[in-house]
Amino acid sequence: MRYFKKIQNTFLVTILLFIVSIPAIAGEIDFKDFRLIGYPAKYQVLTRVEFKLDDYLHQALLNGVDLKARVQFRLREHQDWWFDKDYPLLTITYHLKYHALSRHYLLTRNDTNEHWNFTTFPSAIRKLGELRKYDLPAIKAPLKSGDYSLFVIADMIPATLRLPLRIQSFFSDKFKLTSKGVLWPLP
């Protein structure tokens, strides 16, 4: 009888350790199907940015905290023996909020002042990540073959954090999402 009790306790401890070791659903930002077409005076970006919010940011949105998202395009010059140089090309900023009374998600693109209303969260996030045939500004620098590339990165943060959370945000990635960058060599 004692033998079975030990096995039962060991089994319960193993199950509890397994449950504790399962990570919480983490948010992430990914670029899907990234392509650059055209020539330096008229490059176009074809991509889809997938925003997968973690539970913390999604609950914050539902509780009235606005989220700011941005996609940054930078021209990166490769340096052989020192850090690469980045030149900002373009930043696209979005503002996402939830209106609890009407149960709508409101998405605003800040540079063009376009506004969209969505009844579901997935449709709002899908529109947020949509960059089809987006025109980049003309690249004026003389490009040496293989020395320049386009670097793209996206992030999402709460628009406002109260003082205790603002201090915590400096030491924790819990309050923001940042993508891995995409590096596209220019001809």
N, C-alpha and C. Protein backbone atom coordinates (compact mmCIF):
# COMPACT_ATOMS: atom_id res chain seq x y z
N MET A 1 0.82 -1.19 0.00
CA MET A 1 0.00 0.00 0.00
C MET A 1 0.87 1.26 0.00
N ARG A 2 1.95 1.25 0.82
CA ARG A 2 2.84 2.40 0.85
C ARG A 2 3.50 2.61 -0.50
N TYR A 3 3.83 1.54 -1.17
CA TYR A 3 4.49 1.61 -2.48
C TYR A 3 3.60 2.35 -3.48
N PHE A 4 2.32 2.03 -3.50
CA PHE A 4 1.39 2.71 -4.41
C PHE A 4 1.20 4.18 -4.04
N LYS A 5 1.25 4.50 -2.77
CA LYS A 5 1.13 5.88 -2.31
C LYS A 5 2.33 6.70 -2.79
N LYS A 6 3.53 6.10 -2.73
CA LYS A 6 4.73 6.79 -3.21
C LYS A 6 4.63 7.03 -4.72
N ILE A 7 4.18 6.05 -5.45
CA ILE A 7 4.04 6.18 -6.90
C ILE A 7 3.01 7.26 -7.22
N GLN A 8 1.91 7.27 -6.48
CA GLN A 8 0.87 8.27 -6.69
C GLN A 8 1.42 9.68 -6.40
N ASN A 9 2.14 9.86 -5.31
CA ASN A 9 2.72 11.16 -4.98
C ASN A 9 3.74 11.60 -6.03
N THR A 10 4.57 10.67 -6.47
CA THR A 10 5.55 10.98 -7.51
C THR A 10 4.85 11.39 -8.80
N PHE A 11 3.79 10.69 -9.12
CA PHE A 11 3.03 11.02 -10.33
C PHE A 11 2.42 12.42 -10.23
N LEU A 12 1.85 12.77 -9.08
CA LEU A 12 1.26 14.09 -8.89
C LEU A 12 2.31 15.20 -8.97
N VAL A 13 3.47 14.97 -8.37
CA VAL A 13 4.54 15.97 -8.42
C VAL A 13 5.01 16.15 -9.86
N THR A 14 5.12 15.07 -10.61
CA THR A 14 5.53 15.15 -12.01
C THR A 14 4.51 15.93 -12.83
N ILE A 15 3.24 15.69 -12.62
CA ILE A 15 2.19 16.41 -13.33
C ILE A 15 2.24 17.89 -12.99
N LEU A 16 2.40 18.23 -11.71
CA LEU A 16 2.47 19.62 -11.30
C LEU A 16 3.69 20.32 -11.91
N LEU A 17 4.82 19.67 -11.92
CA LEU A 17 6.02 20.26 -12.54
C LEU A 17 5.81 20.48 -14.02
N PHE A 18 5.14 19.56 -14.69
CA PHE A 18 4.86 19.72 -16.12
C PHE A 18 3.95 20.91 -16.36
N ILE A 19 2.92 21.07 -15.55
CA ILE A 19 1.98 22.18 -15.72
C ILE A 19 2.68 23.51 -15.46
N VAL A 20 3.51 23.57 -14.44
CA VAL A 20 4.22 24.80 -14.11
C VAL A 20 5.22 25.15 -15.21
N SER A 21 5.81 24.15 -15.83
CA SER A 21 6.84 24.42 -16.85
C SER A 21 6.26 24.83 -18.19
N ILE A 22 4.95 24.69 -18.39
CA ILE A 22 4.35 25.14 -19.64
C ILE A 22 4.35 26.65 -19.65
N PRO A 23 4.99 27.25 -20.64
CA PRO A 23 5.05 28.72 -20.64
C PRO A 23 3.68 29.32 -20.96
N ALA A 24 3.46 30.53 -20.46
CA ALA A 24 2.23 31.25 -20.78
C ALA A 24 2.29 31.65 -22.25
N ILE A 25 1.13 31.92 -22.81
CA ILE A 25 1.08 32.31 -24.20
C ILE A 25 1.80 33.64 -24.35
N ALA A 26 2.90 33.60 -25.08
CA ALA A 26 3.71 34.80 -25.25
C ALA A 26 3.34 35.51 -26.54
N GLY A 27 3.39 36.81 -26.50
CA GLY A 27 3.10 37.58 -27.69
C GLY A 27 4.34 37.67 -28.57
N GLU A 28 4.11 37.92 -29.82
CA GLU A 28 5.21 38.06 -30.75
C GLU A 28 4.75 38.81 -31.99
N ILE A 29 5.72 39.33 -32.71
CA ILE A 29 5.47 40.02 -33.96
C ILE A 29 6.36 39.37 -35.01
N ASP A 30 5.76 38.95 -36.11
CA ASP A 30 6.50 38.30 -37.20
C ASP A 30 6.19 38.95 -38.52
N PHE A 31 7.19 39.00 -39.38
CA PHE A 31 7.00 39.44 -40.77
C PHE A 31 6.80 38.20 -41.62
N LYS A 32 5.74 38.16 -42.39
CA LYS A 32 5.46 37.03 -43.27
C LYS A 32 5.56 37.47 -44.73
N ASP A 33 6.18 36.64 -45.54
CA ASP A 33 6.27 36.86 -46.98
C ASP A 33 6.84 38.23 -47.32
N PHE A 34 7.96 38.60 -46.71
CA PHE A 34 8.55 39.91 -46.96
C PHE A 34 9.24 39.91 -48.32
N ARG A 35 8.90 40.89 -49.14
CA ARG A 35 9.55 41.08 -50.45
C ARG A 35 9.70 42.56 -50.73
N LEU A 36 10.74 42.88 -51.47
CA LEU A 36 11.01 44.25 -51.89
C LEU A 36 11.11 44.23 -53.41
N ILE A 37 10.30 45.06 -54.08
CA ILE A 37 10.32 45.10 -55.53
C ILE A 37 10.58 46.53 -55.99
N GLY A 38 11.07 46.68 -57.20
CA GLY A 38 11.30 48.00 -57.76
C GLY A 38 12.76 48.35 -57.84
N TYR A 39 13.06 49.62 -57.83
CA TYR A 39 14.42 50.15 -57.94
C TYR A 39 14.56 51.27 -56.91
N PRO A 40 15.81 51.74 -56.62
CA PRO A 40 16.01 52.65 -55.49
C PRO A 40 15.11 53.88 -55.45
N ALA A 41 14.74 54.42 -56.59
CA ALA A 41 13.87 55.61 -56.56
C ALA A 41 12.42 55.24 -56.29
N LYS A 42 12.06 53.96 -56.44
CA LYS A 42 10.66 53.56 -56.31
C LYS A 42 10.55 52.13 -55.77
N TYR A 43 11.05 51.87 -54.56
CA TYR A 43 10.90 50.56 -53.95
C TYR A 43 9.50 50.41 -53.39
N GLN A 44 8.97 49.19 -53.48
CA GLN A 44 7.69 48.85 -52.86
C GLN A 44 7.88 47.64 -51.96
N VAL A 45 7.23 47.68 -50.82
CA VAL A 45 7.30 46.59 -49.85
C VAL A 45 6.03 45.77 -49.94
N LEU A 46 6.20 44.47 -50.00
CA LEU A 46 5.07 43.54 -49.95
C LEU A 46 5.29 42.64 -48.74
N THR A 47 4.49 42.81 -47.72
CA THR A 47 4.64 41.99 -46.52
C THR A 47 3.34 41.99 -45.71
N ARG A 48 3.34 41.12 -44.75
CA ARG A 48 2.24 41.04 -43.79
C ARG A 48 2.89 40.91 -42.42
N VAL A 49 2.50 41.79 -41.52
CA VAL A 49 3.05 41.76 -40.17
C VAL A 49 2.02 41.11 -39.27
N GLU A 50 2.41 40.02 -38.62
CA GLU A 50 1.50 39.32 -37.72
C GLU A 50 1.76 39.75 -36.29
N PHE A 51 0.77 40.39 -35.68
CA PHE A 51 0.83 40.79 -34.28
C PHE A 51 0.07 39.74 -33.48
N LYS A 52 0.77 39.04 -32.60
CA LYS A 52 0.13 38.09 -31.69
C LYS A 52 0.32 38.63 -30.28
N LEU A 53 -0.73 39.21 -29.75
CA LEU A 53 -0.65 39.83 -28.43
C LEU A 53 -0.68 38.77 -27.34
N ASP A 54 0.08 39.00 -26.29
CA ASP A 54 0.00 38.13 -25.14
C ASP A 54 -1.24 38.50 -24.32
N ASP A 55 -1.54 37.70 -23.34
CA ASP A 55 -2.75 37.92 -22.54
C ASP A 55 -2.71 39.26 -21.82
N TYR A 56 -1.53 39.66 -21.36
CA TYR A 56 -1.42 40.91 -20.62
C TYR A 56 -1.82 42.11 -21.49
N LEU A 57 -1.26 42.20 -22.71
CA LEU A 57 -1.57 43.33 -23.58
C LEU A 57 -3.02 43.28 -24.08
N HIS A 58 -3.52 42.09 -24.35
CA HIS A 58 -4.91 41.97 -24.81
C HIS A 58 -5.87 42.40 -23.72
N GLN A 59 -5.63 41.98 -22.49
CA GLN A 59 -6.50 42.40 -21.38
C GLN A 59 -6.37 43.89 -21.10
N ALA A 60 -5.16 44.42 -21.26
CA ALA A 60 -4.98 45.86 -21.09
C ALA A 60 -5.79 46.63 -22.13
N LEU A 61 -5.80 46.15 -23.37
CA LEU A 61 -6.58 46.79 -24.42
C LEU A 61 -8.06 46.75 -24.09
N LEU A 62 -8.55 45.61 -23.65
CA LEU A 62 -9.97 45.49 -23.30
C LEU A 62 -10.34 46.33 -22.08
N ASN A 63 -9.37 46.64 -21.24
CA ASN A 63 -9.63 47.44 -20.04
C ASN A 63 -9.35 48.93 -20.24
N GLY A 64 -9.19 49.36 -21.49
CA GLY A 64 -9.10 50.79 -21.76
C GLY A 64 -7.71 51.34 -22.03
N VAL A 65 -6.70 50.51 -22.04
CA VAL A 65 -5.34 50.99 -22.33
C VAL A 65 -5.14 50.96 -23.85
N ASP A 66 -4.78 52.10 -24.42
CA ASP A 66 -4.52 52.17 -25.86
C ASP A 66 -3.15 51.57 -26.17
N LEU A 67 -3.04 50.97 -27.35
CA LEU A 67 -1.78 50.39 -27.78
C LEU A 67 -1.24 51.16 -28.97
N LYS A 68 0.07 51.40 -28.97
CA LYS A 68 0.73 52.04 -30.09
C LYS A 68 1.61 51.01 -30.78
N ALA A 69 1.49 50.96 -32.10
CA ALA A 69 2.33 50.06 -32.89
C ALA A 69 3.05 50.88 -33.94
N ARG A 70 4.24 50.43 -34.29
CA ARG A 70 4.97 51.12 -35.35
C ARG A 70 5.81 50.11 -36.12
N VAL A 71 5.99 50.42 -37.39
CA VAL A 71 6.85 49.65 -38.28
C VAL A 71 7.90 50.63 -38.79
N GLN A 72 9.16 50.31 -38.55
CA GLN A 72 10.25 51.20 -38.92
C GLN A 72 11.05 50.62 -40.08
N PHE A 73 11.32 51.46 -41.06
CA PHE A 73 12.16 51.10 -42.20
C PHE A 73 13.44 51.92 -42.09
N ARG A 74 14.58 51.24 -42.15
CA ARG A 74 15.87 51.93 -42.05
C ARG A 74 16.80 51.45 -43.15
N LEU A 75 17.60 52.35 -43.64
CA LEU A 75 18.65 52.00 -44.59
C LEU A 75 19.89 51.70 -43.77
N ARG A 76 20.43 50.50 -43.92
CA ARG A 76 21.58 50.08 -43.13
C ARG A 76 22.81 49.97 -44.03
N GLU A 77 23.87 50.67 -43.63
CA GLU A 77 25.13 50.61 -44.35
C GLU A 77 26.08 49.69 -43.60
N HIS A 78 26.57 48.68 -44.29
CA HIS A 78 27.46 47.70 -43.67
C HIS A 78 28.85 48.31 -43.47
N GLN A 79 29.40 48.12 -42.29
CA GLN A 79 30.76 48.56 -41.96
C GLN A 79 31.59 47.30 -41.70
N ASP A 80 32.77 47.23 -42.26
CA ASP A 80 33.60 46.03 -42.11
C ASP A 80 34.15 45.83 -40.70
N TRP A 81 34.59 46.87 -40.06
CA TRP A 81 35.24 46.67 -38.78
C TRP A 81 34.57 47.40 -37.62
N TRP A 82 33.43 48.03 -37.82
CA TRP A 82 32.73 48.74 -36.76
C TRP A 82 31.25 48.46 -36.88
N PHE A 83 30.42 49.04 -36.04
CA PHE A 83 28.97 48.83 -36.08
C PHE A 83 28.39 49.38 -37.38
N ASP A 84 27.36 48.72 -37.87
CA ASP A 84 26.68 49.20 -39.07
C ASP A 84 25.98 50.52 -38.79
N LYS A 85 25.87 51.36 -39.82
CA LYS A 85 25.18 52.65 -39.68
C LYS A 85 23.74 52.50 -40.15
N ASP A 86 22.82 53.07 -39.39
CA ASP A 86 21.40 53.06 -39.75
C ASP A 86 20.95 54.47 -40.09
N TYR A 87 20.21 54.60 -41.20
CA TYR A 87 19.62 55.87 -41.60
C TYR A 87 18.11 55.67 -41.64
N PRO A 88 17.34 56.42 -40.86
CA PRO A 88 15.89 56.23 -40.87
C PRO A 88 15.28 56.61 -42.22
N LEU A 89 14.44 55.73 -42.74
CA LEU A 89 13.73 55.99 -43.99
C LEU A 89 12.29 56.40 -43.72
N LEU A 90 11.60 55.59 -42.94
CA LEU A 90 10.17 55.79 -42.77
C LEU A 90 9.72 55.07 -41.51
N THR A 91 8.78 55.67 -40.79
CA THR A 91 8.15 55.03 -39.65
C THR A 91 6.64 55.15 -39.81
N ILE A 92 5.97 54.02 -39.78
CA ILE A 92 4.51 53.99 -39.87
C ILE A 92 4.00 53.71 -38.47
N THR A 93 3.17 54.61 -37.93
CA THR A 93 2.66 54.44 -36.57
C THR A 93 1.15 54.24 -36.58
N TYR A 94 0.71 53.39 -35.69
CA TYR A 94 -0.71 53.07 -35.53
C TYR A 94 -1.11 53.26 -34.08
N HIS A 95 -2.38 53.46 -33.88
CA HIS A 95 -2.96 53.61 -32.54
C HIS A 95 -4.19 52.70 -32.50
N LEU A 96 -4.19 51.74 -31.59
CA LEU A 96 -5.30 50.79 -31.47
C LEU A 96 -5.94 50.95 -30.11
N LYS A 97 -7.28 51.10 -30.10
CA LYS A 97 -8.00 51.18 -28.83
C LYS A 97 -9.33 50.46 -28.95
N TYR A 98 -9.84 50.09 -27.81
CA TYR A 98 -11.11 49.38 -27.73
C TYR A 98 -12.14 50.30 -27.09
N HIS A 99 -13.27 50.46 -27.75
CA HIS A 99 -14.36 51.27 -27.23
C HIS A 99 -15.38 50.31 -26.61
N ALA A 100 -15.41 50.25 -25.29
CA ALA A 100 -16.22 49.25 -24.58
C ALA A 100 -17.71 49.47 -24.76
N LEU A 101 -18.16 50.71 -24.89
CA LEU A 101 -19.58 50.98 -25.02
C LEU A 101 -20.14 50.45 -26.34
N SER A 102 -19.44 50.67 -27.42
CA SER A 102 -19.91 50.18 -28.73
C SER A 102 -19.33 48.82 -29.08
N ARG A 103 -18.38 48.34 -28.28
CA ARG A 103 -17.70 47.06 -28.51
C ARG A 103 -17.03 47.04 -29.89
N HIS A 104 -16.34 48.11 -30.19
CA HIS A 104 -15.61 48.22 -31.45
C HIS A 104 -14.13 48.49 -31.16
N TYR A 105 -13.30 47.97 -32.06
CA TYR A 105 -11.87 48.28 -32.02
C TYR A 105 -11.63 49.41 -33.00
N LEU A 106 -10.94 50.46 -32.55
CA LEU A 106 -10.67 51.62 -33.37
C LEU A 106 -9.19 51.64 -33.71
N LEU A 107 -8.88 51.64 -35.00
CA LEU A 107 -7.50 51.65 -35.46
C LEU A 107 -7.26 52.94 -36.23
N THR A 108 -6.19 53.64 -35.87
CA THR A 108 -5.84 54.90 -36.52
C THR A 108 -4.42 54.80 -37.02
N ARG A 109 -4.21 55.19 -38.26
CA ARG A 109 -2.85 55.30 -38.79
C ARG A 109 -2.46 56.77 -38.68
N ASN A 110 -1.45 57.05 -37.89
CA ASN A 110 -1.14 58.42 -37.51
C ASN A 110 -0.58 59.27 -38.65
N ASP A 111 0.21 58.71 -39.55
CA ASP A 111 0.81 59.53 -40.60
C ASP A 111 -0.18 59.96 -41.67
N THR A 112 -1.23 59.17 -41.92
CA THR A 112 -2.23 59.53 -42.94
C THR A 112 -3.57 59.92 -42.33
N ASN A 113 -3.72 59.76 -41.02
CA ASN A 113 -4.97 60.06 -40.31
C ASN A 113 -6.15 59.22 -40.80
N GLU A 114 -5.88 58.02 -41.27
CA GLU A 114 -6.95 57.10 -41.66
C GLU A 114 -7.47 56.42 -40.40
N HIS A 115 -8.79 56.16 -40.37
CA HIS A 115 -9.44 55.52 -39.23
C HIS A 115 -10.24 54.33 -39.72
N TRP A 116 -10.23 53.25 -38.96
CA TRP A 116 -11.03 52.08 -39.25
C TRP A 116 -11.71 51.60 -37.97
N ASN A 117 -12.90 51.07 -38.10
CA ASN A 117 -13.64 50.47 -36.99
C ASN A 117 -13.84 48.99 -37.29
N PHE A 118 -13.64 48.16 -36.28
CA PHE A 118 -13.79 46.71 -36.45
C PHE A 118 -14.60 46.16 -35.29
N THR A 119 -15.41 45.16 -35.58
CA THR A 119 -16.20 44.53 -34.52
C THR A 119 -15.46 43.39 -33.86
N THR A 120 -14.42 42.86 -34.51
CA THR A 120 -13.67 41.75 -33.92
C THR A 120 -12.20 42.11 -33.82
N PHE A 121 -11.57 41.54 -32.84
CA PHE A 121 -10.15 41.78 -32.61
C PHE A 121 -9.27 41.23 -33.75
N PRO A 122 -9.52 40.00 -34.23
CA PRO A 122 -8.68 39.49 -35.32
C PRO A 122 -8.71 40.35 -36.58
N SER A 123 -9.86 40.93 -36.91
CA SER A 123 -9.92 41.77 -38.11
C SER A 123 -9.15 43.07 -37.90
N ALA A 124 -9.16 43.61 -36.70
CA ALA A 124 -8.39 44.83 -36.42
C ALA A 124 -6.89 44.55 -36.50
N ILE A 125 -6.46 43.42 -35.96
CA ILE A 125 -5.04 43.06 -35.99
C ILE A 125 -4.59 42.75 -37.42
N ARG A 126 -5.46 42.14 -38.20
CA ARG A 126 -5.14 41.84 -39.60
C ARG A 126 -4.91 43.13 -40.39
N LYS A 127 -5.78 44.12 -40.19
CA LYS A 127 -5.63 45.41 -40.88
C LYS A 127 -4.37 46.13 -40.39
N LEU A 128 -4.05 46.00 -39.12
CA LEU A 128 -2.86 46.63 -38.56
C LEU A 128 -1.59 46.12 -39.25
N GLY A 129 -1.55 44.86 -39.59
CA GLY A 129 -0.35 44.28 -40.18
C GLY A 129 -0.32 44.27 -41.69
N GLU A 130 -1.22 44.96 -42.32
CA GLU A 130 -1.33 44.92 -43.78
C GLU A 130 -0.42 45.97 -44.43
N LEU A 131 0.58 45.53 -45.16
CA LEU A 131 1.46 46.41 -45.93
C LEU A 131 1.62 45.82 -47.32
N ARG A 132 0.67 46.10 -48.18
CA ARG A 132 0.72 45.57 -49.55
C ARG A 132 1.08 46.68 -50.52
N LYS A 133 2.14 46.46 -51.26
CA LYS A 133 2.62 47.43 -52.25
C LYS A 133 2.74 48.82 -51.64
N TYR A 134 3.40 48.86 -50.51
CA TYR A 134 3.60 50.12 -49.81
C TYR A 134 4.84 50.80 -50.38
N ASP A 135 4.70 52.04 -50.83
CA ASP A 135 5.81 52.77 -51.44
C ASP A 135 6.74 53.33 -50.37
N LEU A 136 8.02 53.02 -50.51
CA LEU A 136 9.03 53.60 -49.64
C LEU A 136 9.52 54.91 -50.25
N PRO A 137 10.02 55.82 -49.44
CA PRO A 137 10.58 57.04 -50.02
C PRO A 137 11.82 56.72 -50.85
N ALA A 138 12.12 57.59 -51.79
CA ALA A 138 13.28 57.39 -52.66
C ALA A 138 14.56 57.38 -51.83
N ILE A 139 15.43 56.43 -52.14
CA ILE A 139 16.71 56.34 -51.46
C ILE A 139 17.71 57.17 -52.27
N LYS A 140 18.20 58.23 -51.66
CA LYS A 140 19.03 59.19 -52.38
C LYS A 140 20.52 58.87 -52.30
N ALA A 141 20.93 58.06 -51.34
CA ALA A 141 22.35 57.76 -51.19
C ALA A 141 22.83 56.88 -52.35
N PRO A 142 24.03 57.11 -52.85
CA PRO A 142 24.56 56.22 -53.90
C PRO A 142 24.85 54.85 -53.29
N LEU A 143 24.18 53.85 -53.78
CA LEU A 143 24.31 52.52 -53.21
C LEU A 143 25.47 51.78 -53.86
N LYS A 144 26.41 51.35 -53.03
CA LYS A 144 27.49 50.50 -53.52
C LYS A 144 26.96 49.08 -53.48
N SER A 145 27.35 48.28 -54.41
CA SER A 145 26.84 46.92 -54.49
C SER A 145 27.17 46.13 -53.23
N GLY A 146 26.15 45.63 -52.57
CA GLY A 146 26.32 44.77 -51.42
C GLY A 146 26.60 45.49 -50.10
N ASP A 147 26.74 46.81 -50.09
CA ASP A 147 27.06 47.53 -48.87
C ASP A 147 25.83 48.01 -48.13
N TYR A 148 24.69 48.08 -48.79
CA TYR A 148 23.47 48.62 -48.17
C TYR A 148 22.39 47.54 -48.12
N SER A 149 21.54 47.68 -47.13
CA SER A 149 20.39 46.79 -47.01
C SER A 149 19.26 47.55 -46.35
N LEU A 150 18.06 47.01 -46.49
CA LEU A 150 16.89 47.59 -45.85
C LEU A 150 16.62 46.79 -44.59
N PHE A 151 16.49 47.49 -43.46
CA PHE A 151 16.21 46.85 -42.18
C PHE A 151 14.83 47.28 -41.72
N VAL A 152 13.99 46.31 -41.40
CA VAL A 152 12.61 46.59 -40.99
C VAL A 152 12.37 45.93 -39.64
N ILE A 153 11.75 46.69 -38.73
CA ILE A 153 11.44 46.18 -37.40
C ILE A 153 10.10 46.75 -36.96
N ALA A 154 9.36 46.00 -36.16
CA ALA A 154 8.05 46.45 -35.67
C ALA A 154 7.99 46.26 -34.15
N ASP A 155 7.21 47.11 -33.50
CA ASP A 155 7.01 46.96 -32.07
C ASP A 155 5.63 47.46 -31.68
N MET A 156 5.21 47.09 -30.47
CA MET A 156 3.91 47.50 -29.93
C MET A 156 4.09 47.73 -28.44
N ILE A 157 3.59 48.88 -27.97
CA ILE A 157 3.68 49.22 -26.55
C ILE A 157 2.37 49.86 -26.11
N PRO A 158 2.07 49.82 -24.83
CA PRO A 158 0.91 50.56 -24.34
C PRO A 158 1.17 52.06 -24.50
N ALA A 159 0.13 52.80 -24.85
CA ALA A 159 0.29 54.24 -25.06
C ALA A 159 0.63 54.96 -23.78
N THR A 160 0.02 54.58 -22.69
CA THR A 160 0.31 55.21 -21.41
C THR A 160 0.45 54.13 -20.35
N LEU A 161 1.44 54.29 -19.54
CA LEU A 161 1.62 53.43 -18.37
C LEU A 161 1.67 54.31 -17.15
N ARG A 162 0.99 53.93 -16.11
CA ARG A 162 1.04 54.68 -14.87
C ARG A 162 2.43 54.54 -14.26
N LEU A 163 2.75 55.38 -13.33
CA LEU A 163 4.11 55.49 -12.82
C LEU A 163 4.74 54.17 -12.36
N PRO A 164 4.09 53.35 -11.55
CA PRO A 164 4.78 52.11 -11.14
C PRO A 164 5.06 51.19 -12.33
N LEU A 165 4.11 51.10 -13.25
CA LEU A 165 4.32 50.24 -14.41
C LEU A 165 5.35 50.84 -15.36
N ARG A 166 5.41 52.15 -15.45
CA ARG A 166 6.39 52.79 -16.32
C ARG A 166 7.80 52.45 -15.85
N ILE A 167 8.02 52.44 -14.54
CA ILE A 167 9.34 52.09 -14.00
C ILE A 167 9.63 50.62 -14.26
N GLN A 168 8.63 49.75 -14.08
CA GLN A 168 8.82 48.33 -14.34
C GLN A 168 9.09 48.06 -15.81
N SER A 169 8.54 48.87 -16.71
CA SER A 169 8.71 48.62 -18.14
C SER A 169 10.16 48.78 -18.59
N PHE A 170 10.97 49.51 -17.83
CA PHE A 170 12.38 49.63 -18.18
C PHE A 170 13.13 48.34 -17.94
N PHE A 171 12.63 47.50 -17.03
CA PHE A 171 13.34 46.30 -16.64
C PHE A 171 12.67 45.01 -17.12
N SER A 172 11.54 45.11 -17.78
CA SER A 172 10.80 43.91 -18.18
C SER A 172 10.25 44.10 -19.59
N ASP A 173 10.24 43.01 -20.35
CA ASP A 173 9.64 43.03 -21.69
C ASP A 173 8.16 42.66 -21.65
N LYS A 174 7.60 42.54 -20.46
CA LYS A 174 6.20 42.15 -20.32
C LYS A 174 5.25 43.19 -20.91
N PHE A 175 5.69 44.44 -20.95
CA PHE A 175 4.81 45.53 -21.34
C PHE A 175 4.97 45.95 -22.80
N LYS A 176 5.75 45.21 -23.58
CA LYS A 176 5.93 45.57 -24.98
C LYS A 176 6.23 44.33 -25.81
N LEU A 177 5.98 44.45 -27.10
CA LEU A 177 6.33 43.41 -28.06
C LEU A 177 7.28 44.01 -29.08
N THR A 178 8.30 43.28 -29.45
CA THR A 178 9.24 43.73 -30.46
C THR A 178 9.54 42.55 -31.38
N SER A 179 9.56 42.83 -32.67
CA SER A 179 9.83 41.77 -33.64
C SER A 179 11.32 41.57 -33.83
N LYS A 180 11.65 40.45 -34.41
CA LYS A 180 12.99 40.28 -34.93
C LYS A 180 13.02 41.06 -36.23
N GLY A 181 14.10 41.70 -36.51
CA GLY A 181 14.17 42.53 -37.71
C GLY A 181 14.31 41.70 -38.98
N VAL A 182 13.93 42.31 -40.08
CA VAL A 182 14.11 41.72 -41.40
C VAL A 182 15.19 42.53 -42.11
N LEU A 183 16.20 41.85 -42.63
CA LEU A 183 17.29 42.51 -43.33
C LEU A 183 17.26 42.06 -44.78
N TRP A 184 17.08 43.03 -45.69
CA TRP A 184 16.94 42.73 -47.11
C TRP A 184 18.07 43.45 -47.85
N PRO A 185 19.03 42.70 -48.45
CA PRO A 185 20.13 43.36 -49.16
C PRO A 185 19.64 44.09 -50.41
N LEU A 186 20.19 45.28 -50.62
CA LEU A 186 19.81 46.07 -51.78
C LEU A 186 20.84 45.87 -52.89
N PRO A 187 20.38 45.84 -54.13
CA PRO A 187 21.33 45.62 -55.25
C PRO A 187 22.21 46.82 -55.49
